[in-house]
Amino acid sequence: MAVQAYVLVDCAPGKPFQIVEALRKLPAVQMAHAVTGSYDVIVFVQAESMAELGDLLSRHIHRLPGIVKTTTNVVVEKTAPRGSTERTPGRQA
């Protein structure tokens, strides 16, 4: 089962738009947006496993110039097409 996560990114000053462009080129990145608030960029990613998610973070995202820090939030509940919710098996939200 695929692993989905939101990655919240702190960037060096003046870097959010460049980082968003670079992130959007990564195949696992579904969405990347420069935002206001506590973080500079919010990214939605999908990986085949937790190991693949870790690899994406450590080998690709963390190595982008201008990224200072990330916080990753793994999705434990998804909204199904008809509006019902599905929980990730084995997880309590």
N, C-alpha and C. Protein backbone atom coordinates (compact mmCIF):
# COMPACT_ATOMS: atom_id res chain seq x y z
N MET A 1 0.85 -1.18 0.00
CA MET A 1 0.00 0.00 0.00
C MET A 1 0.89 1.24 0.00
N ALA A 2 0.52 2.21 -0.78
CA ALA A 2 1.30 3.44 -0.90
C ALA A 2 1.26 4.24 0.41
N VAL A 3 2.34 4.94 0.66
CA VAL A 3 2.46 5.82 1.82
C VAL A 3 2.35 7.25 1.30
N GLN A 4 1.46 8.02 1.91
CA GLN A 4 1.32 9.42 1.55
C GLN A 4 1.74 10.27 2.73
N ALA A 5 2.31 11.44 2.44
CA ALA A 5 2.76 12.32 3.52
C ALA A 5 2.76 13.77 3.08
N TYR A 6 2.60 14.64 4.06
CA TYR A 6 2.78 16.07 3.86
C TYR A 6 4.14 16.41 4.43
N VAL A 7 4.95 17.10 3.64
CA VAL A 7 6.27 17.52 4.09
C VAL A 7 6.24 19.04 4.20
N LEU A 8 6.49 19.54 5.41
CA LEU A 8 6.49 20.97 5.69
C LEU A 8 7.94 21.42 5.68
N VAL A 9 8.22 22.45 4.88
CA VAL A 9 9.61 22.82 4.61
C VAL A 9 9.91 24.24 5.09
N ASP A 10 11.02 24.38 5.82
CA ASP A 10 11.59 25.68 6.15
C ASP A 10 12.71 25.93 5.15
N CYS A 11 12.71 27.10 4.53
CA CYS A 11 13.69 27.43 3.50
C CYS A 11 14.57 28.60 3.92
N ALA A 12 15.70 28.71 3.26
CA ALA A 12 16.54 29.89 3.41
C ALA A 12 15.78 31.07 2.79
N PRO A 13 16.03 32.28 3.27
CA PRO A 13 15.34 33.45 2.72
C PRO A 13 15.50 33.55 1.20
N GLY A 14 14.39 33.84 0.53
CA GLY A 14 14.40 34.02 -0.91
C GLY A 14 14.40 32.74 -1.73
N LYS A 15 14.31 31.58 -1.10
CA LYS A 15 14.42 30.30 -1.81
C LYS A 15 13.11 29.55 -2.08
N PRO A 16 11.98 29.89 -1.43
CA PRO A 16 10.79 29.04 -1.59
C PRO A 16 10.37 28.74 -3.02
N PHE A 17 10.38 29.74 -3.91
CA PHE A 17 9.90 29.50 -5.27
C PHE A 17 10.85 28.59 -6.05
N GLN A 18 12.15 28.73 -5.83
CA GLN A 18 13.12 27.85 -6.48
C GLN A 18 12.97 26.42 -5.97
N ILE A 19 12.73 26.28 -4.67
CA ILE A 19 12.57 24.95 -4.08
C ILE A 19 11.29 24.28 -4.60
N VAL A 20 10.21 25.04 -4.71
CA VAL A 20 8.96 24.49 -5.25
C VAL A 20 9.20 23.97 -6.67
N GLU A 21 9.89 24.73 -7.50
CA GLU A 21 10.18 24.29 -8.87
C GLU A 21 10.97 22.99 -8.87
N ALA A 22 11.98 22.90 -8.01
CA ALA A 22 12.80 21.69 -7.95
C ALA A 22 11.99 20.50 -7.44
N LEU A 23 11.16 20.72 -6.42
CA LEU A 23 10.36 19.64 -5.85
C LEU A 23 9.37 19.09 -6.87
N ARG A 24 8.77 19.95 -7.66
CA ARG A 24 7.77 19.51 -8.65
C ARG A 24 8.36 18.60 -9.72
N LYS A 25 9.67 18.57 -9.85
CA LYS A 25 10.34 17.70 -10.83
C LYS A 25 10.52 16.28 -10.30
N LEU A 26 10.36 16.08 -8.99
CA LEU A 26 10.53 14.74 -8.41
C LEU A 26 9.26 13.92 -8.64
N PRO A 27 9.39 12.70 -9.16
CA PRO A 27 8.20 11.89 -9.48
C PRO A 27 7.27 11.62 -8.29
N ALA A 28 7.80 11.50 -7.09
CA ALA A 28 6.97 11.19 -5.92
C ALA A 28 6.17 12.39 -5.43
N VAL A 29 6.52 13.58 -5.88
CA VAL A 29 5.83 14.79 -5.43
C VAL A 29 4.54 14.96 -6.22
N GLN A 30 3.42 14.95 -5.49
CA GLN A 30 2.11 15.14 -6.10
C GLN A 30 1.74 16.62 -6.19
N MET A 31 2.12 17.39 -5.17
CA MET A 31 1.87 18.83 -5.12
C MET A 31 2.97 19.49 -4.31
N ALA A 32 3.31 20.72 -4.69
CA ALA A 32 4.25 21.53 -3.91
C ALA A 32 3.81 22.98 -4.04
N HIS A 33 3.68 23.66 -2.89
CA HIS A 33 3.20 25.04 -2.89
C HIS A 33 4.03 25.89 -1.94
N ALA A 34 4.39 27.10 -2.38
CA ALA A 34 4.96 28.09 -1.48
C ALA A 34 3.77 28.68 -0.72
N VAL A 35 3.91 28.81 0.60
CA VAL A 35 2.78 29.25 1.43
C VAL A 35 3.26 30.29 2.45
N THR A 36 2.29 30.94 3.08
CA THR A 36 2.59 31.83 4.20
C THR A 36 2.36 31.05 5.49
N GLY A 37 2.88 31.54 6.59
CA GLY A 37 2.66 30.89 7.88
C GLY A 37 3.94 30.36 8.47
N SER A 38 3.81 29.31 9.24
CA SER A 38 4.95 28.74 9.98
C SER A 38 5.99 28.08 9.08
N TYR A 39 5.58 27.65 7.90
CA TYR A 39 6.49 27.00 6.97
C TYR A 39 6.50 27.79 5.67
N ASP A 40 7.51 27.53 4.85
CA ASP A 40 7.64 28.24 3.57
C ASP A 40 7.04 27.46 2.40
N VAL A 41 7.09 26.14 2.50
CA VAL A 41 6.62 25.27 1.42
C VAL A 41 5.90 24.08 2.04
N ILE A 42 4.79 23.69 1.41
CA ILE A 42 4.09 22.46 1.80
C ILE A 42 4.09 21.54 0.58
N VAL A 43 4.49 20.28 0.81
CA VAL A 43 4.63 19.30 -0.26
C VAL A 43 3.79 18.07 0.09
N PHE A 44 3.07 17.53 -0.90
CA PHE A 44 2.35 16.27 -0.72
C PHE A 44 3.06 15.24 -1.57
N VAL A 45 3.50 14.14 -0.92
CA VAL A 45 4.26 13.11 -1.61
C VAL A 45 3.59 11.75 -1.47
N GLN A 46 3.91 10.86 -2.41
CA GLN A 46 3.43 9.49 -2.33
C GLN A 46 4.59 8.56 -2.65
N ALA A 47 4.81 7.57 -1.79
CA ALA A 47 5.88 6.59 -1.98
C ALA A 47 5.28 5.19 -1.83
N GLU A 48 6.00 4.21 -2.31
CA GLU A 48 5.52 2.83 -2.24
C GLU A 48 5.65 2.22 -0.85
N SER A 49 6.55 2.76 -0.03
CA SER A 49 6.78 2.21 1.30
C SER A 49 7.40 3.29 2.19
N MET A 50 7.49 3.01 3.48
CA MET A 50 8.15 3.92 4.40
C MET A 50 9.64 4.03 4.05
N ALA A 51 10.23 2.93 3.61
CA ALA A 51 11.65 2.96 3.22
C ALA A 51 11.84 3.90 2.03
N GLU A 52 10.94 3.82 1.06
CA GLU A 52 11.03 4.70 -0.11
C GLU A 52 10.80 6.15 0.29
N LEU A 53 9.89 6.39 1.24
CA LEU A 53 9.66 7.75 1.73
C LEU A 53 10.93 8.28 2.39
N GLY A 54 11.58 7.47 3.22
CA GLY A 54 12.82 7.87 3.86
C GLY A 54 13.90 8.19 2.84
N ASP A 55 13.98 7.39 1.79
CA ASP A 55 14.95 7.62 0.72
C ASP A 55 14.65 8.94 -0.01
N LEU A 56 13.39 9.18 -0.29
CA LEU A 56 12.98 10.42 -0.95
C LEU A 56 13.41 11.63 -0.11
N LEU A 57 13.16 11.55 1.18
CA LEU A 57 13.51 12.67 2.06
C LEU A 57 15.02 12.86 2.16
N SER A 58 15.74 11.79 2.46
CA SER A 58 17.18 11.94 2.72
C SER A 58 18.01 12.13 1.47
N ARG A 59 17.67 11.48 0.38
CA ARG A 59 18.50 11.55 -0.82
C ARG A 59 18.08 12.63 -1.81
N HIS A 60 16.85 13.08 -1.71
CA HIS A 60 16.37 14.04 -2.71
C HIS A 60 15.93 15.37 -2.10
N ILE A 61 14.98 15.33 -1.20
CA ILE A 61 14.44 16.58 -0.66
C ILE A 61 15.44 17.30 0.22
N HIS A 62 16.03 16.62 1.19
CA HIS A 62 16.97 17.28 2.12
C HIS A 62 18.21 17.82 1.42
N ARG A 63 18.54 17.31 0.26
CA ARG A 63 19.75 17.74 -0.44
C ARG A 63 19.53 18.95 -1.35
N LEU A 64 18.29 19.40 -1.48
CA LEU A 64 18.04 20.57 -2.33
C LEU A 64 18.63 21.82 -1.68
N PRO A 65 19.37 22.61 -2.44
CA PRO A 65 19.95 23.83 -1.88
C PRO A 65 18.86 24.79 -1.40
N GLY A 66 19.03 25.28 -0.19
CA GLY A 66 18.06 26.23 0.37
C GLY A 66 17.09 25.63 1.36
N ILE A 67 17.04 24.30 1.45
CA ILE A 67 16.18 23.67 2.45
C ILE A 67 16.92 23.67 3.79
N VAL A 68 16.28 24.24 4.79
CA VAL A 68 16.87 24.34 6.11
C VAL A 68 16.42 23.18 6.99
N LYS A 69 15.11 22.88 6.95
CA LYS A 69 14.55 21.85 7.83
C LYS A 69 13.23 21.37 7.25
N THR A 70 12.90 20.10 7.51
CA THR A 70 11.60 19.57 7.11
C THR A 70 10.92 18.89 8.29
N THR A 71 9.60 18.88 8.23
CA THR A 71 8.78 18.12 9.17
C THR A 71 7.85 17.27 8.32
N THR A 72 7.86 15.96 8.53
CA THR A 72 7.06 15.06 7.71
C THR A 72 5.89 14.51 8.52
N ASN A 73 4.70 14.59 7.93
CA ASN A 73 3.47 14.09 8.56
C ASN A 73 2.87 13.03 7.66
N VAL A 74 2.94 11.76 8.09
CA VAL A 74 2.41 10.65 7.29
C VAL A 74 0.90 10.59 7.44
N VAL A 75 0.22 10.40 6.31
CA VAL A 75 -1.24 10.31 6.30
C VAL A 75 -1.67 8.98 6.90
N VAL A 76 -2.60 9.02 7.87
CA VAL A 76 -3.12 7.79 8.47
C VAL A 76 -4.60 7.59 8.14
N GLU A 77 -5.22 8.58 7.56
CA GLU A 77 -6.62 8.46 7.15
C GLU A 77 -6.81 9.20 5.84
N LYS A 78 -7.44 8.52 4.89
CA LYS A 78 -7.66 9.11 3.56
C LYS A 78 -9.15 9.25 3.31
N THR A 79 -9.52 10.24 2.53
CA THR A 79 -10.91 10.40 2.14
C THR A 79 -11.15 9.60 0.87
N ALA A 80 -12.12 8.72 0.92
CA ALA A 80 -12.47 7.91 -0.24
C ALA A 80 -13.27 8.75 -1.22
N PRO A 81 -13.37 8.34 -2.47
CA PRO A 81 -14.06 9.13 -3.49
C PRO A 81 -15.47 9.58 -3.13
N ARG A 82 -16.23 8.80 -2.41
CA ARG A 82 -17.60 9.17 -2.07
C ARG A 82 -17.71 9.93 -0.76
N GLY A 83 -16.59 10.36 -0.21
CA GLY A 83 -16.64 11.16 1.01
C GLY A 83 -16.47 10.37 2.29
N SER A 84 -16.50 9.03 2.21
CA SER A 84 -16.26 8.25 3.43
C SER A 84 -14.76 8.27 3.70
N THR A 85 -14.37 7.81 4.86
CA THR A 85 -12.94 7.81 5.18
C THR A 85 -12.42 6.40 5.25
N GLU A 86 -11.14 6.25 4.94
CA GLU A 86 -10.48 4.95 5.08
C GLU A 86 -9.27 5.16 5.96
N ARG A 87 -9.09 4.30 6.90
CA ARG A 87 -7.92 4.37 7.77
C ARG A 87 -6.87 3.42 7.26
N THR A 88 -5.61 3.79 7.45
CA THR A 88 -4.52 2.93 7.08
C THR A 88 -4.57 1.71 8.01
N PRO A 89 -4.52 0.48 7.46
CA PRO A 89 -4.61 -0.71 8.31
C PRO A 89 -3.56 -0.71 9.41
N GLY A 90 -4.01 -1.11 10.61
CA GLY A 90 -3.10 -1.23 11.73
C GLY A 90 -2.79 0.06 12.44
N ARG A 91 -3.41 1.15 12.02
CA ARG A 91 -3.15 2.45 12.63
C ARG A 91 -4.41 3.00 13.26
N GLN A 92 -4.27 3.58 14.41
CA GLN A 92 -5.38 4.27 15.07
C GLN A 92 -5.11 5.76 14.98
N ALA A 93 -6.07 6.51 14.51
CA ALA A 93 -5.88 7.97 14.40
C ALA A 93 -6.45 8.65 15.62
